[in-house]
Amino acid sequence: MKAPFDLILFGATGFTGRLVAEYLNTTYRVGQSVSWAIAGRNLDKLARVRELIGADPTLPLIQADATDAASLAGLVAQTRAVISTVGPYQLHGEALVTACARAGTDYVDLCGEPGWMAQMIAQLDAPARASGARIVFSCGFDSIPFDLGVVFLQEEGLRRFGVPLRRVRGRVRLMKGGFSGGTMASAMATYEAIGRDPGLARTLADPFALTPGFRGPPQPDEHGAIYDSAARSWSGPFIMATINTKNVHRTHALRGHPWGTDFIYDERMLTGDVPGGERRARGLARTTRIQTALLGLAPARGLLRRFVLPKPGEGPSQRERDTGRFDLLFIGETADGRTLRAGVTGDRDPGYGSTSKMISESALCLVEQVDRSMTPGGVWTPGAAMGLALARRLQERAGLGFSIEE
């Protein structure tokens, strides 16, 4: 029997969830091609979101609680796919993704928590394969532009050279808008989890933590300021590399290692080659070390929660979201030294404006464009589950750009 909805957005009353609802309402209005609903714990708050985004009063509201397995089972039975914006996922996400895996309902989220993802891969891949559910983590700024950027570059490399790019460097040229409060909350939850289970630190440091049964060659692990001759720029550490590199390697593994079992990938933030580039790179490296040290201290995490992180329902203004953007560079090199470069851009701030569009279109790409014979049930990455079909959709609808730079 056909599910009543194509999509249900769970977590619509949060700041990011409300932006996703707003995007869906603007792009796929009620009664048109996509049937969707918003869900959460409080019906009054859901009704308020419906009003704030200017949605039709007939937009369905569904009451469900992240801690109530029965209500979640009822929710996932009503839809082809669930979008979850309720993080940190290691605190609030397991019951919902488990319900989807058992019921055969597709699922996408914004997770950038590799420790939790590794646990969910071990727990849910087999049930999802059995039910037919496609579980796709990391459908926001972490890690779609990086994951798809590598897939896009590799496909073009194979077309031009007939061989894969043995090494790819992911480089952030510009990021205006910064990270979401959810990203920082997830980071703090992860450090608290390390305090309870020190072994989790090894998972975070392992680039192959999400590829059980496979270990590739040693990967670059530079944390300081270095001059990147391939990019012709000084560079510093990029905080999101911890999750993005793992997703890229999982995409490669799920695709059957078409780029070779000796594939190497790393990410850094470019700081420029003009006078001051080295100074900025050293400052970035120093700031990253300080941030990491502070996140490891419980009192510092408490202060961050109290004085720095956005409160529930808070975030950047619409003007800040609209004027944000990002620009990424990918440099690939074949085993015999031939090179290829690609750019990936986004027209809104990474953590909110672009992310709300990316997760929405990911869910719709999955249910509308990706045949289950090609992508059956299991725990996937965006690059492995949807690949260039998603890249094209994001370019057509979500303000992302994918281009080869000659």
Protein backbone atom coordinates (compact mmCIF):
# COMPACT_ATOMS: atom_id res chain seq x y z
CA MET A 1 0.00 0.00 0.00
CA LYS A 2 1.33 3.44 -0.97
CA ALA A 3 2.37 5.63 1.95
CA PRO A 4 0.28 8.82 2.37
CA PHE A 5 3.37 11.06 2.25
CA ASP A 6 6.50 11.28 0.16
CA LEU A 7 8.33 13.05 3.01
CA ILE A 8 7.89 13.72 6.69
CA LEU A 9 10.17 16.32 8.27
CA PHE A 10 10.91 15.39 11.88
CA GLY A 11 12.20 18.23 14.04
CA ALA A 12 10.45 21.09 12.25
CA THR A 13 10.25 23.25 15.38
CA GLY A 14 14.05 23.61 15.66
CA PHE A 15 15.85 26.44 13.85
CA THR A 16 17.29 24.28 11.06
CA GLY A 17 14.11 22.21 10.85
CA ARG A 18 12.08 25.36 10.35
CA LEU A 19 14.38 26.41 7.49
CA VAL A 20 13.90 23.00 5.86
CA ALA A 21 10.12 23.38 6.22
CA GLU A 22 10.33 26.86 4.73
CA TYR A 23 12.32 25.58 1.76
CA LEU A 24 9.90 22.71 1.16
CA ASN A 25 6.95 25.07 1.38
CA THR A 26 8.51 27.54 -1.07
CA THR A 27 9.60 24.88 -3.56
CA TYR A 28 7.00 22.11 -3.14
CA ARG A 29 3.82 23.75 -1.93
CA VAL A 30 1.07 21.62 -0.40
CA GLY A 31 -1.17 20.02 -2.99
CA GLN A 32 1.43 20.08 -5.76
CA SER A 33 3.85 17.35 -6.87
CA VAL A 34 5.27 16.33 -3.45
CA SER A 35 3.14 15.27 -0.49
CA TRP A 36 4.80 16.13 2.81
CA ALA A 37 4.13 16.78 6.47
CA ILE A 38 5.95 18.16 9.48
CA ALA A 39 6.35 16.26 12.72
CA GLY A 40 7.50 16.86 16.26
CA ARG A 41 6.62 16.51 19.90
CA ASN A 42 4.38 19.57 20.30
CA LEU A 43 1.42 20.16 17.97
CA ASP A 44 1.01 23.79 19.04
CA LYS A 45 4.63 24.54 18.11
CA LEU A 46 4.21 22.71 14.81
CA ALA A 47 1.14 24.83 14.05
CA ARG A 48 3.19 27.93 14.82
CA VAL A 49 5.89 26.81 12.36
CA ARG A 50 3.23 26.22 9.72
CA GLU A 51 2.02 29.76 10.25
CA LEU A 52 5.52 31.30 10.29
CA ILE A 53 6.54 29.74 6.97
CA GLY A 54 3.27 30.80 5.33
CA ALA A 55 2.18 27.24 4.58
CA ASP A 56 -1.34 26.27 3.67
CA PRO A 57 -3.43 25.46 6.77
CA THR A 58 -3.92 21.98 5.32
CA LEU A 59 -0.21 21.12 5.72
CA PRO A 60 -0.44 18.00 7.93
CA LEU A 61 1.01 18.04 11.45
CA ILE A 62 2.09 14.77 13.05
CA GLN A 63 2.82 14.36 16.75
CA ALA A 64 5.72 12.07 17.56
CA ASP A 65 8.33 11.94 20.30
CA ALA A 66 11.97 10.97 19.76
CA THR A 67 11.80 8.92 22.97
CA ASP A 68 8.56 7.09 22.13
CA ALA A 69 9.19 4.07 19.91
CA ALA A 70 5.49 3.46 19.26
CA SER A 71 4.86 7.00 18.00
CA LEU A 72 7.95 6.78 15.78
CA ALA A 73 6.82 3.47 14.33
CA GLY A 74 3.51 5.08 13.47
CA LEU A 75 5.26 8.04 11.90
CA VAL A 76 7.61 6.10 9.61
CA ALA A 77 4.77 3.87 8.41
CA GLN A 78 3.11 6.94 6.85
CA THR A 79 5.90 8.04 4.53
CA ARG A 80 8.37 7.00 1.85
CA ALA A 81 11.18 8.99 3.51
CA VAL A 82 11.97 10.82 6.74
CA ILE A 83 14.11 13.94 7.04
CA SER A 84 15.52 14.24 10.55
CA THR A 85 16.99 17.50 11.85
CA VAL A 86 16.89 16.48 15.52
CA GLY A 87 20.47 16.42 16.79
CA PRO A 88 22.84 15.72 18.34
CA TYR A 89 21.91 12.39 16.82
CA GLN A 90 23.90 10.41 19.37
CA LEU A 91 21.53 11.84 22.00
CA HIS A 92 18.22 12.02 20.12
CA GLY A 93 18.49 10.09 16.87
CA GLU A 94 18.78 6.36 17.42
CA ALA A 95 15.11 5.49 17.94
CA LEU A 96 13.96 7.21 14.74
CA VAL A 97 16.64 5.82 12.42
CA THR A 98 16.09 2.37 13.92
CA ALA A 99 12.35 2.63 13.24
CA CYS A 100 13.09 3.53 9.61
CA ALA A 101 15.57 0.66 9.21
CA ARG A 102 13.04 -1.84 10.52
CA ALA A 103 10.08 -0.51 8.54
CA GLY A 104 11.77 -0.10 5.14
CA THR A 105 11.40 3.69 5.18
CA ASP A 106 14.14 5.81 3.63
CA TYR A 107 15.92 8.24 5.96
CA VAL A 108 18.21 11.26 5.58
CA ASP A 109 19.77 13.48 8.24
CA LEU A 110 22.48 16.07 8.92
CA CYS A 111 24.69 13.89 11.10
CA GLY A 112 28.37 14.74 11.42
CA GLU A 113 29.04 12.46 14.39
CA PRO A 114 31.32 9.65 13.17
CA GLY A 115 31.34 7.70 16.43
CA TRP A 116 27.57 7.37 16.40
CA MET A 117 27.52 6.70 12.68
CA ALA A 118 29.99 3.83 13.10
CA GLN A 119 27.70 2.32 15.75
CA MET A 120 24.62 2.72 13.55
CA ILE A 121 26.36 1.13 10.55
CA ALA A 122 27.12 -1.93 12.69
CA GLN A 123 23.60 -2.06 14.15
CA LEU A 124 21.40 -1.11 11.23
CA ASP A 125 23.03 -2.09 7.95
CA ALA A 126 21.68 -5.66 8.11
CA PRO A 127 18.12 -4.68 9.19
CA ALA A 128 18.01 -1.97 6.52
CA ARG A 129 19.17 -4.42 3.85
CA ALA A 130 16.43 -6.81 4.91
CA SER A 131 13.67 -4.17 4.95
CA GLY A 132 14.83 -2.15 1.92
CA ALA A 133 15.35 1.08 3.87
CA ARG A 134 18.02 3.40 2.46
CA ILE A 135 19.66 5.14 5.44
CA VAL A 136 21.73 8.15 4.35
CA PHE A 137 23.64 10.16 6.94
CA SER A 138 25.42 13.51 6.44
CA CYS A 139 23.13 15.20 3.89
CA GLY A 140 24.12 18.78 4.74
CA PHE A 141 27.31 20.82 4.43
CA ASP A 142 28.90 17.88 6.16
CA SER A 143 29.39 16.09 3.90
CA ILE A 144 27.57 16.58 0.58
CA PRO A 145 29.79 19.20 -1.14
CA PHE A 146 32.94 17.24 -0.25
CA ASP A 147 31.57 13.76 -0.90
CA LEU A 148 30.00 14.72 -4.23
CA GLY A 149 32.95 16.93 -5.14
CA VAL A 150 35.25 13.90 -5.07
CA VAL A 151 32.76 11.74 -7.00
CA PHE A 152 32.33 14.49 -9.62
CA LEU A 153 36.10 14.95 -10.04
CA GLN A 154 36.78 11.22 -10.20
CA GLU A 155 34.10 10.63 -12.84
CA GLU A 156 35.61 13.35 -15.01
CA GLY A 157 39.11 11.99 -14.40
CA LEU A 158 38.05 8.53 -15.54
CA ARG A 159 36.42 10.04 -18.62
CA ARG A 160 39.47 12.10 -19.59
CA PHE A 161 42.33 9.89 -18.53
CA GLY A 162 40.84 6.40 -18.47
CA VAL A 163 42.32 5.87 -15.00
CA PRO A 164 41.26 7.08 -11.54
CA LEU A 165 42.81 9.91 -9.59
CA ARG A 166 44.98 8.20 -7.01
CA ARG A 167 45.07 11.23 -4.73
CA VAL A 168 42.52 14.02 -4.22
CA ARG A 169 43.05 17.13 -2.14
CA GLY A 170 39.90 18.85 -0.84
CA ARG A 171 40.51 22.54 -0.13
CA VAL A 172 38.20 25.19 1.31
CA ARG A 173 38.80 28.44 -0.56
CA LEU A 174 35.95 30.39 1.02
CA MET A 175 33.37 29.73 3.72
CA LYS A 176 31.20 32.67 4.70
CA GLY A 177 28.60 31.89 7.32
CA GLY A 178 30.36 29.34 9.47
CA PHE A 179 28.98 26.31 11.24
CA SER A 180 25.55 25.72 12.68
CA GLY A 181 24.84 25.54 16.38
CA GLY A 182 23.87 21.92 15.81
CA THR A 183 27.35 21.16 14.50
CA MET A 184 28.94 22.57 17.65
CA ALA A 185 26.40 20.83 19.90
CA SER A 186 27.25 17.55 18.19
CA ALA A 187 30.96 18.19 18.71
CA MET A 188 30.41 18.76 22.42
CA ALA A 189 28.27 15.65 22.72
CA THR A 190 31.07 13.70 21.04
CA TYR A 191 33.69 14.94 23.50
CA GLU A 192 31.40 14.04 26.37
CA ALA A 193 31.05 10.56 24.88
CA ILE A 194 34.85 10.27 24.74
CA GLY A 195 34.92 11.00 28.46
CA ARG A 196 32.69 7.96 28.99
CA ASP A 197 34.44 5.79 26.39
CA PRO A 198 38.06 6.81 25.68
CA GLY A 199 38.21 4.26 22.86
CA LEU A 200 35.95 6.56 20.84
CA ALA A 201 38.94 8.85 20.30
CA ARG A 202 40.51 6.15 18.13
CA THR A 203 37.38 6.07 15.98
CA LEU A 204 37.51 9.84 15.48
CA ALA A 205 41.19 9.67 14.47
CA ASP A 206 40.71 6.76 12.04
CA PRO A 207 39.98 7.85 8.43
CA PHE A 208 38.56 4.36 7.77
CA ALA A 209 36.27 4.24 10.82
CA LEU A 210 33.20 4.00 8.56
CA THR A 211 34.55 1.28 6.26
CA PRO A 212 34.38 -1.87 8.42
CA GLY A 213 36.50 -4.64 6.95
CA PHE A 214 38.69 -2.34 4.86
CA ARG A 215 41.80 -0.32 5.65
CA GLY A 216 43.53 1.76 3.02
CA PRO A 217 47.01 3.30 3.03
CA PRO A 218 48.13 5.91 5.58
CA GLN A 219 46.40 9.23 4.96
CA PRO A 220 47.81 12.77 5.33
CA ASP A 221 47.54 13.92 8.93
CA GLU A 222 48.95 17.45 9.05
CA HIS A 223 47.51 19.64 11.81
CA GLY A 224 49.72 22.71 11.54
CA ALA A 225 50.30 25.39 8.93
CA ILE A 226 51.74 24.05 5.68
CA TYR A 227 52.34 25.46 2.21
CA ASP A 228 50.21 23.57 -0.31
CA SER A 229 52.14 23.62 -3.58
CA ALA A 230 49.29 21.98 -5.50
CA ALA A 231 46.88 24.78 -4.49
CA ARG A 232 49.64 27.43 -4.47
CA SER A 233 48.51 28.64 -1.08
CA TRP A 234 49.25 28.37 2.61
CA SER A 235 46.76 26.18 4.46
CA GLY A 236 45.58 25.28 7.92
CA PRO A 237 43.49 22.47 9.41
CA PHE A 238 39.80 22.24 8.52
CA ILE A 239 37.69 21.19 11.47
CA MET A 240 35.10 19.29 9.42
CA ALA A 241 37.72 17.07 7.80
CA THR A 242 37.22 14.62 10.68
CA ILE A 243 33.82 13.62 9.33
CA ASN A 244 34.15 14.45 5.62
CA THR A 245 37.21 12.27 5.00
CA LYS A 246 35.48 9.30 6.60
CA ASN A 247 32.42 9.75 4.40
CA VAL A 248 34.53 10.03 1.25
CA HIS A 249 36.30 6.76 2.09
CA ARG A 250 32.95 5.09 2.85
CA THR A 251 31.56 6.28 -0.49
CA HIS A 252 34.59 4.78 -2.20
CA ALA A 253 34.17 1.48 -0.36
CA LEU A 254 30.44 1.25 -1.07
CA ARG A 255 31.14 1.86 -4.75
CA GLY A 256 33.59 -1.06 -4.79
CA HIS A 257 36.86 0.96 -4.70
CA PRO A 258 36.82 2.19 -8.32
CA TRP A 259 39.58 4.70 -7.48
CA GLY A 260 41.94 1.98 -6.24
CA THR A 261 42.56 0.54 -2.81
CA ASP A 262 45.53 2.93 -2.49
CA PHE A 263 43.34 6.06 -2.79
CA ILE A 264 44.42 9.05 -0.64
CA TYR A 265 42.23 11.99 0.38
CA ASP A 266 42.61 14.91 2.76
CA GLU A 267 41.05 18.32 3.46
CA ARG A 268 42.47 21.69 4.49
CA MET A 269 41.50 25.36 4.63
CA LEU A 270 43.37 27.68 2.27
CA THR A 271 44.64 30.97 3.70
CA GLY A 272 46.29 32.57 0.66
CA ASP A 273 49.69 32.93 -0.99
CA VAL A 274 50.00 36.68 -0.56
CA PRO A 275 51.87 38.19 2.39
CA GLY A 276 49.92 37.16 5.44
CA GLY A 277 48.90 33.72 4.16
CA GLU A 278 51.39 31.95 6.39
CA ARG A 279 50.41 34.06 9.39
CA ARG A 280 46.71 33.27 8.84
CA ALA A 281 47.48 29.56 8.48
CA ARG A 282 49.40 29.53 11.75
CA GLY A 283 46.60 31.43 13.44
CA LEU A 284 44.05 28.94 12.13
CA ALA A 285 46.13 26.02 13.39
CA ARG A 286 46.49 27.66 16.80
CA THR A 287 42.75 28.40 17.02
CA THR A 288 41.91 24.82 16.09
CA ARG A 289 44.20 23.48 18.83
CA ILE A 290 42.60 25.80 21.39
CA GLN A 291 39.07 24.86 20.32
CA THR A 292 39.89 21.17 20.54
CA ALA A 293 41.40 21.60 23.99
CA LEU A 294 38.38 23.59 25.23
CA LEU A 295 35.90 21.03 23.91
CA GLY A 296 37.75 18.41 25.91
CA LEU A 297 37.08 20.27 29.18
CA ALA A 298 33.68 19.89 30.81
CA PRO A 299 33.67 23.41 32.39
CA ALA A 300 34.51 24.97 29.00
CA ARG A 301 31.68 23.07 27.33
CA GLY A 302 29.31 24.42 29.95
CA LEU A 303 30.40 27.98 29.26
CA LEU A 304 30.03 27.47 25.51
CA ARG A 305 26.50 26.21 25.96
CA ARG A 306 25.61 29.13 28.20
CA PHE A 307 27.22 32.03 26.38
CA VAL A 308 28.23 31.04 22.82
CA LEU A 309 25.96 28.47 21.21
CA PRO A 310 22.61 29.58 19.77
CA LYS A 311 19.72 28.80 22.07
CA PRO A 312 17.00 26.44 20.78
CA GLY A 313 15.21 28.15 17.90
CA GLU A 314 17.99 30.71 17.37
CA GLY A 315 20.35 31.18 14.46
CA PRO A 316 21.64 33.70 11.92
CA SER A 317 19.32 36.23 10.33
CA GLN A 318 17.88 35.74 6.85
CA ARG A 319 20.25 38.42 5.55
CA GLU A 320 23.24 36.55 7.02
CA ARG A 321 22.00 33.30 5.50
CA ASP A 322 21.37 34.88 2.10
CA THR A 323 24.75 36.61 1.90
CA GLY A 324 26.74 33.56 3.00
CA ARG A 325 28.40 31.21 0.51
CA PHE A 326 31.15 28.63 0.10
CA ASP A 327 33.75 27.76 -2.51
CA LEU A 328 35.66 24.46 -2.48
CA LEU A 329 38.55 23.25 -4.62
CA PHE A 330 39.38 19.62 -5.42
CA ILE A 331 42.75 18.75 -6.95
CA GLY A 332 43.17 15.22 -8.28
CA GLU A 333 46.31 13.49 -9.44
CA THR A 334 46.75 10.21 -11.30
CA ALA A 335 49.50 7.73 -10.42
CA ASP A 336 51.56 9.03 -13.37
CA GLY A 337 51.22 12.69 -12.38
CA ARG A 338 48.37 14.03 -14.53
CA THR A 339 46.15 16.48 -12.65
CA LEU A 340 42.57 17.71 -12.75
CA ARG A 341 40.83 20.41 -10.72
CA ALA A 342 37.16 20.94 -9.86
CA GLY A 343 35.24 23.59 -7.95
CA VAL A 344 32.11 23.19 -5.84
CA THR A 345 30.23 26.31 -4.78
CA GLY A 346 27.13 27.13 -2.77
CA ASP A 347 25.05 30.32 -2.89
CA ARG A 348 23.97 30.48 0.77
CA ASP A 349 25.68 30.15 4.14
CA PRO A 350 26.92 26.57 4.58
CA GLY A 351 25.41 25.60 7.93
CA TYR A 352 21.85 26.81 7.43
CA GLY A 353 20.86 28.27 4.03
CA SER A 354 22.61 25.73 1.82
CA THR A 355 22.17 22.85 4.26
CA SER A 356 18.37 23.24 4.37
CA LYS A 357 18.26 22.98 0.58
CA MET A 358 20.72 20.08 0.38
CA ILE A 359 18.90 17.82 2.82
CA SER A 360 15.51 18.50 1.23
CA GLU A 361 16.70 17.71 -2.28
CA SER A 362 18.62 14.66 -1.03
CA ALA A 363 15.44 13.13 0.35
CA LEU A 364 13.54 13.82 -2.86
CA CYS A 365 16.36 12.57 -5.06
CA LEU A 366 16.38 9.34 -3.07
CA VAL A 367 12.65 8.65 -3.38
CA GLU A 368 12.06 10.08 -6.87
CA GLN A 369 15.22 9.32 -8.85
CA VAL A 370 17.18 6.46 -7.29
CA ASP A 371 15.99 3.00 -8.22
CA ARG A 372 16.19 0.37 -5.50
CA SER A 373 17.78 -2.06 -7.94
CA MET A 374 20.78 0.29 -8.07
CA THR A 375 20.68 1.46 -4.44
CA PRO A 376 19.02 -1.23 -2.30
CA GLY A 377 18.47 -1.12 1.43
CA GLY A 378 21.44 -0.42 3.68
CA VAL A 379 23.38 2.39 5.32
CA TRP A 380 24.71 4.69 2.62
CA THR A 381 26.50 7.97 1.96
CA PRO A 382 25.09 10.61 -0.41
CA GLY A 383 27.91 9.98 -2.89
CA ALA A 384 27.32 6.23 -2.99
CA ALA A 385 23.52 6.24 -2.82
CA MET A 386 22.82 9.08 -5.25
CA GLY A 387 26.10 10.23 -6.78
CA LEU A 388 25.93 12.49 -9.82
CA ALA A 389 22.12 12.34 -9.92
CA LEU A 390 22.15 14.30 -6.67
CA ALA A 391 24.89 16.64 -7.92
CA ARG A 392 22.79 17.51 -10.97
CA ARG A 393 19.67 18.01 -8.85
CA LEU A 394 21.51 20.30 -6.43
CA GLN A 395 22.91 22.28 -9.33
CA GLU A 396 19.47 22.66 -10.90
CA ARG A 397 17.49 23.41 -7.74
CA ALA A 398 19.63 24.18 -4.70
CA GLY A 399 22.20 26.78 -5.79
CA LEU A 400 25.22 24.49 -5.82
CA GLY A 401 27.72 24.53 -8.67
CA PHE A 402 30.01 21.71 -9.86
CA SER A 403 32.60 22.65 -12.48
CA ILE A 404 35.91 21.50 -13.91
CA GLU A 405 38.56 24.21 -13.70
CA GLU A 406 40.88 24.14 -16.71
